[in-house]
PDB file of N, CA and C in Angstrom:
ATOM      1  N   MET A   1       0.832  -1.170   0.000  1.00  0.00           N
ATOM      2  CA  MET A   1       0.000   0.000   0.000  1.00  0.00           C
ATOM      3  C   MET A   1       0.886   1.247   0.000  1.00  0.00           C
ATOM      4  N   THR A   2       0.512   2.233  -0.782  1.00  0.00           N
ATOM      5  CA  THR A   2       1.254   3.493  -0.824  1.00  0.00           C
ATOM      6  C   THR A   2       0.939   4.323   0.410  1.00  0.00           C
ATOM      7  N   THR A   3       1.970   4.840   1.029  1.00  0.00           N
ATOM      8  CA  THR A   3       1.784   5.805   2.109  1.00  0.00           C
ATOM      9  C   THR A   3       2.279   7.150   1.606  1.00  0.00           C
ATOM     10  N   TRP A   4       1.752   8.217   2.165  1.00  0.00           N
ATOM     11  CA  TRP A   4       2.006   9.564   1.660  1.00  0.00           C
ATOM     12  C   TRP A   4       2.649  10.446   2.718  1.00  0.00           C
ATOM     13  N   GLU A   5       3.415  11.418   2.235  1.00  0.00           N
ATOM     14  CA  GLU A   5       3.859  12.513   3.088  1.00  0.00           C
ATOM     15  C   GLU A   5       3.283  13.791   2.491  1.00  0.00           C
ATOM     16  N   TYR A   6       3.085  14.794   3.332  1.00  0.00           N
ATOM     17  CA  TYR A   6       2.403  16.016   2.925  1.00  0.00           C
ATOM     18  C   TYR A   6       3.237  17.237   3.267  1.00  0.00           C
ATOM     19  N   ALA A   7       3.028  18.299   2.504  1.00  0.00           N
ATOM     20  CA  ALA A   7       3.687  19.576   2.768  1.00  0.00           C
ATOM     21  C   ALA A   7       2.667  20.689   2.578  1.00  0.00           C
ATOM     22  N   THR A   8       2.813  21.731   3.355  1.00  0.00           N
ATOM     23  CA  THR A   8       2.001  22.937   3.232  1.00  0.00           C
ATOM     24  C   THR A   8       2.966  24.087   2.981  1.00  0.00           C
ATOM     25  N   ILE A   9       2.769  24.812   1.877  1.00  0.00           N
ATOM     26  CA  ILE A   9       3.700  25.883   1.532  1.00  0.00           C
ATOM     27  C   ILE A   9       2.957  27.169   1.192  1.00  0.00           C
ATOM     28  N   PRO A  10       3.527  28.318   1.543  1.00  0.00           N
ATOM     29  CA  PRO A  10       2.933  29.586   1.128  1.00  0.00           C
ATOM     30  C   PRO A  10       3.252  29.833  -0.343  1.00  0.00           C
ATOM     31  N   LEU A  11       2.303  30.396  -1.065  1.00  0.00           N
ATOM     32  CA  LEU A  11       2.514  30.758  -2.463  1.00  0.00           C
ATOM     33  C   LEU A  11       2.543  32.274  -2.594  1.00  0.00           C
ATOM     34  N   LEU A  12       3.600  32.785  -3.156  1.00  0.00           N
ATOM     35  CA  LEU A  12       3.684  34.211  -3.426  1.00  0.00           C
ATOM     36  C   LEU A  12       3.019  34.468  -4.776  1.00  0.00           C
ATOM     37  N   ILE A  13       2.068  35.356  -4.802  1.00  0.00           N
ATOM     38  CA  ILE A  13       1.256  35.581  -6.002  1.00  0.00           C
ATOM     39  C   ILE A  13       2.118  35.856  -7.231  1.00  0.00           C
ATOM     40  N   HIS A  14       3.178  36.610  -7.087  1.00  0.00           N
ATOM     41  CA  HIS A  14       3.999  36.984  -8.245  1.00  0.00           C
ATOM     42  C   HIS A  14       4.948  35.875  -8.699  1.00  0.00           C
ATOM     43  N   ASN A  15       5.025  34.750  -7.963  1.00  0.00           N
ATOM     44  CA  ASN A  15       5.988  33.703  -8.287  1.00  0.00           C
ATOM     45  C   ASN A  15       5.389  32.298  -8.166  1.00  0.00           C
ATOM     46  N   THR A  16       4.089  32.187  -8.296  1.00  0.00           N
ATOM     47  CA  THR A  16       3.390  30.926  -8.061  1.00  0.00           C
ATOM     48  C   THR A  16       3.887  29.795  -8.954  1.00  0.00           C
ATOM     49  N   LYS A  17       3.998  30.037 -10.249  1.00  0.00           N
ATOM     50  CA  LYS A  17       4.402  28.977 -11.178  1.00  0.00           C
ATOM     51  C   LYS A  17       5.792  28.445 -10.849  1.00  0.00           C
ATOM     52  N   ALA A  18       6.735  29.317 -10.609  1.00  0.00           N
ATOM     53  CA  ALA A  18       8.096  28.879 -10.302  1.00  0.00           C
ATOM     54  C   ALA A  18       8.137  28.060  -9.017  1.00  0.00           C
ATOM     55  N   ILE A  19       7.382  28.461  -8.018  1.00  0.00           N
ATOM     56  CA  ILE A  19       7.343  27.729  -6.748  1.00  0.00           C
ATOM     57  C   ILE A  19       6.772  26.330  -6.973  1.00  0.00           C
ATOM     58  N   LEU A  20       5.639  26.241  -7.664  1.00  0.00           N
ATOM     59  CA  LEU A  20       5.012  24.932  -7.900  1.00  0.00           C
ATOM     60  C   LEU A  20       5.863  24.059  -8.813  1.00  0.00           C
ATOM     61  N   ASP A  21       6.515  24.658  -9.811  1.00  0.00           N
ATOM     62  CA  ASP A  21       7.403  23.889 -10.691  1.00  0.00           C
ATOM     63  C   ASP A  21       8.546  23.268  -9.893  1.00  0.00           C
ATOM     64  N   GLN A  22       9.117  24.014  -8.964  1.00  0.00           N
ATOM     65  CA  GLN A  22      10.229  23.495  -8.169  1.00  0.00           C
ATOM     66  C   GLN A  22       9.780  22.329  -7.285  1.00  0.00           C
ATOM     67  N   TRP A  23       8.653  22.486  -6.600  1.00  0.00           N
ATOM     68  CA  TRP A  23       8.143  21.394  -5.758  1.00  0.00           C
ATOM     69  C   TRP A  23       7.766  20.195  -6.618  1.00  0.00           C
ATOM     70  N   GLY A  24       7.180  20.438  -7.792  1.00  0.00           N
ATOM     71  CA  GLY A  24       6.831  19.346  -8.701  1.00  0.00           C
ATOM     72  C   GLY A  24       8.063  18.587  -9.166  1.00  0.00           C
ATOM     73  N   ALA A  25       9.161  19.290  -9.417  1.00  0.00           N
ATOM     74  CA  ALA A  25      10.409  18.654  -9.828  1.00  0.00           C
ATOM     75  C   ALA A  25      10.963  17.762  -8.718  1.00  0.00           C
ATOM     76  N   ASP A  26      10.594  18.055  -7.482  1.00  0.00           N
ATOM     77  CA  ASP A  26      11.022  17.248  -6.338  1.00  0.00           C
ATOM     78  C   ASP A  26      10.047  16.110  -6.034  1.00  0.00           C
ATOM     79  N   GLY A  27       9.047  15.916  -6.916  1.00  0.00           N
ATOM     80  CA  GLY A  27       8.138  14.789  -6.772  1.00  0.00           C
ATOM     81  C   GLY A  27       6.835  15.086  -6.046  1.00  0.00           C
ATOM     82  N   TRP A  28       6.585  16.354  -5.725  1.00  0.00           N
ATOM     83  CA  TRP A  28       5.363  16.710  -5.003  1.00  0.00           C
ATOM     84  C   TRP A  28       4.230  16.963  -5.978  1.00  0.00           C
ATOM     85  N   GLU A  29       3.023  16.524  -5.616  1.00  0.00           N
ATOM     86  CA  GLU A  29       1.811  16.745  -6.410  1.00  0.00           C
ATOM     87  C   GLU A  29       0.910  17.732  -5.673  1.00  0.00           C
ATOM     88  N   LEU A  30       0.431  18.740  -6.409  1.00  0.00           N
ATOM     89  CA  LEU A  30      -0.474  19.728  -5.824  1.00  0.00           C
ATOM     90  C   LEU A  30      -1.825  19.088  -5.555  1.00  0.00           C
ATOM     91  N   VAL A  31      -2.323  19.258  -4.333  1.00  0.00           N
ATOM     92  CA  VAL A  31      -3.621  18.710  -3.945  1.00  0.00           C
ATOM     93  C   VAL A  31      -4.666  19.812  -3.926  1.00  0.00           C
ATOM     94  N   GLN A  32      -4.317  20.948  -3.322  1.00  0.00           N
ATOM     95  CA  GLN A  32      -5.291  22.023  -3.177  1.00  0.00           C
ATOM     96  C   GLN A  32      -4.575  23.336  -2.890  1.00  0.00           C
ATOM     97  N   VAL A  33      -5.205  24.440  -3.306  1.00  0.00           N
ATOM     98  CA  VAL A  33      -4.730  25.783  -2.966  1.00  0.00           C
ATOM     99  C   VAL A  33      -5.879  26.489  -2.257  1.00  0.00           C
ATOM    100  N   VAL A  34      -5.571  27.087  -1.099  1.00  0.00           N
ATOM    101  CA  VAL A  34      -6.590  27.786  -0.319  1.00  0.00           C
ATOM    102  C   VAL A  34      -6.062  29.167   0.072  1.00  0.00           C
ATOM    103  N   PRO A  35      -6.958  30.089   0.410  1.00  0.00           N
ATOM    104  CA  PRO A  35      -6.504  31.401   0.879  1.00  0.00           C
ATOM    105  C   PRO A  35      -5.683  31.264   2.159  1.00  0.00           C
ATOM    106  N   GLY A  36      -4.725  32.160   2.318  1.00  0.00           N
ATOM    107  CA  GLY A  36      -3.895  32.168   3.521  1.00  0.00           C
ATOM    108  C   GLY A  36      -4.675  32.647   4.724  1.00  0.00           C
ATOM    109  N   PRO A  37      -3.957  32.856   5.840  1.00  0.00           N
ATOM    110  CA  PRO A  37      -4.608  33.326   7.069  1.00  0.00           C
ATOM    111  C   PRO A  37      -5.394  34.622   6.831  1.00  0.00           C
ATOM    112  N   ALA A  38      -6.367  34.854   7.669  1.00  0.00           N
ATOM    113  CA  ALA A  38      -7.235  36.039   7.539  1.00  0.00           C
ATOM    114  C   ALA A  38      -6.397  37.296   7.332  1.00  0.00           C
ATOM    115  N   GLY A  39      -6.774  38.059   6.340  1.00  0.00           N
ATOM    116  CA  GLY A  39      -6.081  39.305   6.060  1.00  0.00           C
ATOM    117  C   GLY A  39      -4.869  39.143   5.163  1.00  0.00           C
ATOM    118  N   SER A  40      -4.518  37.917   4.817  1.00  0.00           N
ATOM    119  CA  SER A  40      -3.350  37.669   3.977  1.00  0.00           C
ATOM    120  C   SER A  40      -3.758  37.651   2.508  1.00  0.00           C
ATOM    121  N   ALA A  41      -2.944  38.269   1.671  1.00  0.00           N
ATOM    122  CA  ALA A  41      -3.203  38.256   0.229  1.00  0.00           C
ATOM    123  C   ALA A  41      -2.598  37.020  -0.419  1.00  0.00           C
ATOM    124  N   ASN A  42      -1.827  36.258   0.337  1.00  0.00           N
ATOM    125  CA  ASN A  42      -1.158  35.077  -0.212  1.00  0.00           C
ATOM    126  C   ASN A  42      -2.048  33.842  -0.150  1.00  0.00           C
ATOM    127  N   LEU A  43      -1.612  32.830  -0.876  1.00  0.00           N
ATOM    128  CA  LEU A  43      -2.303  31.544  -0.897  1.00  0.00           C
ATOM    129  C   LEU A  43      -1.447  30.497  -0.200  1.00  0.00           C
ATOM    130  N   VAL A  44      -2.076  29.393   0.195  1.00  0.00           N
ATOM    131  CA  VAL A  44      -1.366  28.270   0.797  1.00  0.00           C
ATOM    132  C   VAL A  44      -1.638  27.044  -0.070  1.00  0.00           C
ATOM    133  N   ALA A  45      -0.566  26.333  -0.429  1.00  0.00           N
ATOM    134  CA  ALA A  45      -0.693  25.129  -1.250  1.00  0.00           C
ATOM    135  C   ALA A  45      -0.474  23.898  -0.386  1.00  0.00           C
ATOM    136  N   TYR A  46      -1.293  22.882  -0.614  1.00  0.00           N
ATOM    137  CA  TYR A  46      -1.142  21.583   0.043  1.00  0.00           C
ATOM    138  C   TYR A  46      -0.644  20.607  -1.020  1.00  0.00           C
ATOM    139  N   LEU A  47       0.449  19.908  -0.717  1.00  0.00           N
ATOM    140  CA  LEU A  47       1.050  18.975  -1.651  1.00  0.00           C
ATOM    141  C   LEU A  47       1.235  17.614  -1.016  1.00  0.00           C
ATOM    142  N   LYS A  48       1.362  16.580  -1.865  1.00  0.00           N
ATOM    143  CA  LYS A  48       1.633  15.230  -1.367  1.00  0.00           C
ATOM    144  C   LYS A  48       2.584  14.522  -2.320  1.00  0.00           C
ATOM    145  N   ARG A  49       3.268  13.497  -1.790  1.00  0.00           N
ATOM    146  CA  ARG A  49       4.085  12.604  -2.612  1.00  0.00           C
ATOM    147  C   ARG A  49       4.202  11.280  -1.874  1.00  0.00           C
ATOM    148  N   PRO A  50       4.441  10.215  -2.638  1.00  0.00           N
ATOM    149  CA  PRO A  50       4.605   8.917  -1.983  1.00  0.00           C
ATOM    150  C   PRO A  50       5.795   8.954  -1.026  1.00  0.00           C
ATOM    151  N   ARG A  51       5.619   8.366   0.129  1.00  0.00           N
ATOM    152  CA  ARG A  51       6.697   8.284   1.115  1.00  0.00           C
ATOM    153  C   ARG A  51       7.761   7.322   0.594  1.00  0.00           C
ATOM    154  N   ALA A  52       9.017   7.676   0.751  1.00  0.00           N
ATOM    155  CA  ALA A  52      10.122   6.850   0.291  1.00  0.00           C
ATOM    156  C   ALA A  52      10.012   5.431   0.870  1.00  0.00           C
ATOM    157  N   GLY A  53      10.202   4.449   0.031  1.00  0.00           N
ATOM    158  CA  GLY A  53      10.163   3.065   0.481  1.00  0.00           C
ATOM    159  C   GLY A  53       8.777   2.453   0.524  1.00  0.00           C
ATOM    160  N   SER A  54       7.765   3.218   0.100  1.00  0.00           N
ATOM    161  CA  SER A  54       6.414   2.632   0.136  1.00  0.00           C
ATOM    162  C   SER A  54       5.974   2.207  -1.243  1.00  0.00           C
TER     163      SER A  54
END
């Protein structure tokens, strides 16, 4: 059975593609993007990838 590890990262609006491309190159898959904390103009991305050895 595949097990997963997860990451939560802030996305800077002016650099979103480069940030996601870098995480994707490291094997992370984007799961969801949600607004940041109240009053924040930034977004938060949730990512996952298979855990090593699974």
